[in-house]
Amino acid sequence: MEKNNFIEIFNDLLSEEGLNRRQFAEKCGIPYTTVIGWTSLNRLPDFTALIKIANFFNCSIDYLAGRQDDFKQTTEQSNVFTREKTLLKYFRALDSENKDLIIKIAHNLKHP
């Protein structure tokens, strides 16, 4: 697991949930100083912490480690098409304001 991948993914998940590091630490039961160590001191979480993070965000450890692009990946063949995966990748890279804009656009396209 690369440190930069984890930090980027973790920060994106926090942003998507509208949480800061302290709020996450309180809700997840991980000491705030530990969370700061990941995000500010480039430390990696231990295995127990990875499980807590994956459970909290309902994602896989492989996703947190940057080993898979899919937020959730099952052992069965995924029926998410390549274009949808690409769209999701781009969506996750957007800031909160642009994510809201994309959601509004998609809603308007579906319900003209």
Protein backbone atom coordinates (compact mmCIF):
# COMPACT_ATOMS: atom_id res chain seq x y z
CA MET A 1 0.00 0.00 0.00
CA GLU A 2 1.45 3.34 -1.02
CA LYS A 3 1.14 6.12 1.54
CA ASN A 4 0.02 8.76 -0.95
CA ASN A 5 -2.69 6.50 -2.39
CA PHE A 6 -4.12 5.76 1.04
CA ILE A 7 -4.05 9.39 2.16
CA GLU A 8 -5.74 10.58 -1.03
CA ILE A 9 -8.41 7.88 -0.87
CA PHE A 10 -9.00 8.43 2.85
CA ASN A 11 -9.32 12.20 2.41
CA ASP A 12 -11.75 11.70 -0.50
CA LEU A 13 -13.91 9.40 1.63
CA LEU A 14 -13.93 11.93 4.47
CA SER A 15 -14.94 14.65 2.04
CA GLU A 16 -17.71 12.53 0.51
CA GLU A 17 -19.11 11.89 4.00
CA GLY A 18 -18.73 15.56 4.98
CA LEU A 19 -16.48 14.66 7.92
CA ASN A 20 -13.31 16.17 9.25
CA ARG A 21 -10.59 14.02 10.80
CA ARG A 22 -11.74 14.62 14.38
CA GLN A 23 -15.37 13.70 13.57
CA PHE A 24 -14.22 10.54 11.83
CA ALA A 25 -12.01 9.57 14.77
CA GLU A 26 -14.87 10.03 17.23
CA LYS A 27 -17.38 8.09 15.13
CA CYS A 28 -14.96 5.29 14.23
CA GLY A 29 -13.40 4.83 17.65
CA ILE A 30 -9.86 5.49 16.49
CA PRO A 31 -7.76 8.01 18.44
CA TYR A 32 -7.60 11.41 16.76
CA THR A 33 -3.81 11.46 17.09
CA THR A 34 -3.66 8.22 15.10
CA VAL A 35 -5.76 9.72 12.29
CA ILE A 36 -3.50 12.80 12.28
CA GLY A 37 -0.53 10.45 11.97
CA TRP A 38 -1.97 9.02 8.75
CA THR A 39 -2.91 12.31 7.15
CA SER A 40 -0.16 14.63 8.37
CA LEU A 41 2.81 12.41 9.18
CA ASN A 42 2.47 9.97 6.26
CA ARG A 43 2.02 6.95 8.48
CA LEU A 44 -0.01 3.97 7.36
CA PRO A 45 -2.81 2.46 9.44
CA ASP A 46 -2.29 -0.97 10.94
CA PHE A 47 -4.46 -3.90 9.91
CA THR A 48 -6.99 -3.41 12.73
CA ALA A 49 -7.42 0.24 11.79
CA LEU A 50 -7.82 -0.66 8.10
CA ILE A 51 -10.67 -2.99 9.02
CA LYS A 52 -12.34 -0.24 11.07
CA ILE A 53 -11.96 2.25 8.22
CA ALA A 54 -13.29 -0.22 5.62
CA ASN A 55 -16.26 -1.07 7.86
CA PHE A 56 -16.97 2.59 8.54
CA PHE A 57 -16.99 3.57 4.86
CA ASN A 58 -18.41 0.22 3.74
CA CYS A 59 -15.60 -0.39 1.26
CA SER A 60 -12.90 -2.99 0.78
CA ILE A 61 -9.39 -2.86 2.20
CA ASP A 62 -8.11 -3.22 -1.36
CA TYR A 63 -9.95 -0.01 -2.25
CA LEU A 64 -8.34 1.82 0.69
CA ALA A 65 -4.93 0.50 -0.37
CA GLY A 66 -5.42 1.75 -3.94
CA ARG A 67 -5.33 -1.80 -5.31
CA GLN A 68 -8.74 -1.61 -6.97
CA ASP A 69 -10.70 1.21 -8.55
CA ASP A 70 -14.10 -0.07 -7.50
CA PHE A 71 -15.41 1.21 -4.19
CA LYS A 72 -17.00 -2.18 -3.61
CA GLN A 73 -15.91 -5.21 -5.51
CA THR A 74 -17.43 -8.61 -5.02
CA THR A 75 -15.97 -11.95 -5.95
CA GLU A 76 -18.63 -12.26 -8.63
CA GLN A 77 -18.07 -10.54 -11.93
CA SER A 78 -19.03 -6.90 -11.60
CA ASN A 79 -21.82 -5.76 -13.88
CA VAL A 80 -20.60 -2.17 -13.82
CA PHE A 81 -19.58 -1.27 -17.33
CA THR A 82 -16.27 0.37 -18.22
CA ARG A 83 -17.90 3.73 -18.93
CA GLU A 84 -19.57 3.67 -15.52
CA LYS A 85 -16.26 2.88 -13.83
CA THR A 86 -14.64 5.77 -15.67
CA LEU A 87 -17.47 8.11 -14.71
CA LEU A 88 -17.18 7.07 -11.06
CA LYS A 89 -13.42 7.64 -11.11
CA TYR A 90 -13.86 11.15 -12.48
CA PHE A 91 -16.74 11.88 -10.09
CA ARG A 92 -14.65 10.93 -7.05
CA ALA A 93 -11.90 13.31 -8.20
CA LEU A 94 -14.25 16.32 -8.15
CA ASP A 95 -14.68 18.74 -5.28
CA SER A 96 -17.96 18.77 -3.36
CA GLU A 97 -19.47 21.66 -5.33
CA ASN A 98 -18.86 19.99 -8.69
CA LYS A 99 -20.14 16.64 -7.40
CA ASP A 100 -23.41 18.38 -6.49
CA LEU A 101 -23.53 19.94 -9.96
CA ILE A 102 -23.04 16.55 -11.65
CA ILE A 103 -25.83 15.03 -9.53
CA LYS A 104 -28.18 17.86 -10.53
CA ILE A 105 -27.28 17.44 -14.20
CA ALA A 106 -27.87 13.67 -14.05
CA HIS A 107 -31.20 14.20 -12.29
CA ASN A 108 -32.29 16.73 -14.90
CA LEU A 109 -31.30 14.41 -17.72
CA LYS A 110 -33.32 11.58 -16.23
CA HIS A 111 -36.34 13.75 -15.30
CA PRO A 112 -36.63 16.45 -18.01
